C-alpha cells in the first residue's frame, strides 16, 4: 500500500469517525409517534387531527382486545383514549369557533368511563354494547363539530400486526 493510499484511507476514517461522533452527540428530537401533551401540542402547533388519529387507532385496538376478552390490554387502550381526551380538554381546543374540548368532555369521556366499567366487570357483551355506543357518540360529536363527513365504524377486520388474545 502506498503512502498516498494510506493517507486517503486515514482521512476517510477520521471524517467518518467525526461524522458518527457528531451524530451520536447531537440532541435530536424523537420521531416516536406517541401522543404529546397539550402543552407540547400548543408549542409545536400540532393540529387536532393528530390527536384524533391516535384516539381512532387506540379505539380500534380497544375493540379487538375487548372482543377477545383481553381485559388487561383493553384497559391499556381505554386509558390511552382517556389520557389523550383529557389532554384535549385541558388545552381548551377550539376549532373553527367550536369548543372541541367541551364536546369531548361532555360526549366522549363519559363513554370511556362506561367502557371502563365493562372492562372491569369482564362482561364481553356489556363491553361490545358500550363500544358501539361510543362509536355512535364519536359520530355525533363529529356532526356537532361540523365534521360529520368523518364517520367512524366498528372494525370488521384486524388491520394490526398484533395478537389481541388474552394471556
Foldseek 3Di string as FASTA:
>chain_A
DDPVVVVVVVVVVVVVVVVVVVVVPDDDDDPDLQDDALVVCVVVVPDPVSLVVLLLVLLLLLLQLLLQLQLVSNVVSLVSNLRSLVRLLVNQDDDPNRRLSVLCVVQQNVLSVQLNVCSVVSPSVSNVVSSQSNQVSVLVSCVVNVNNVDHDDHDDDDPDPDDSHHD
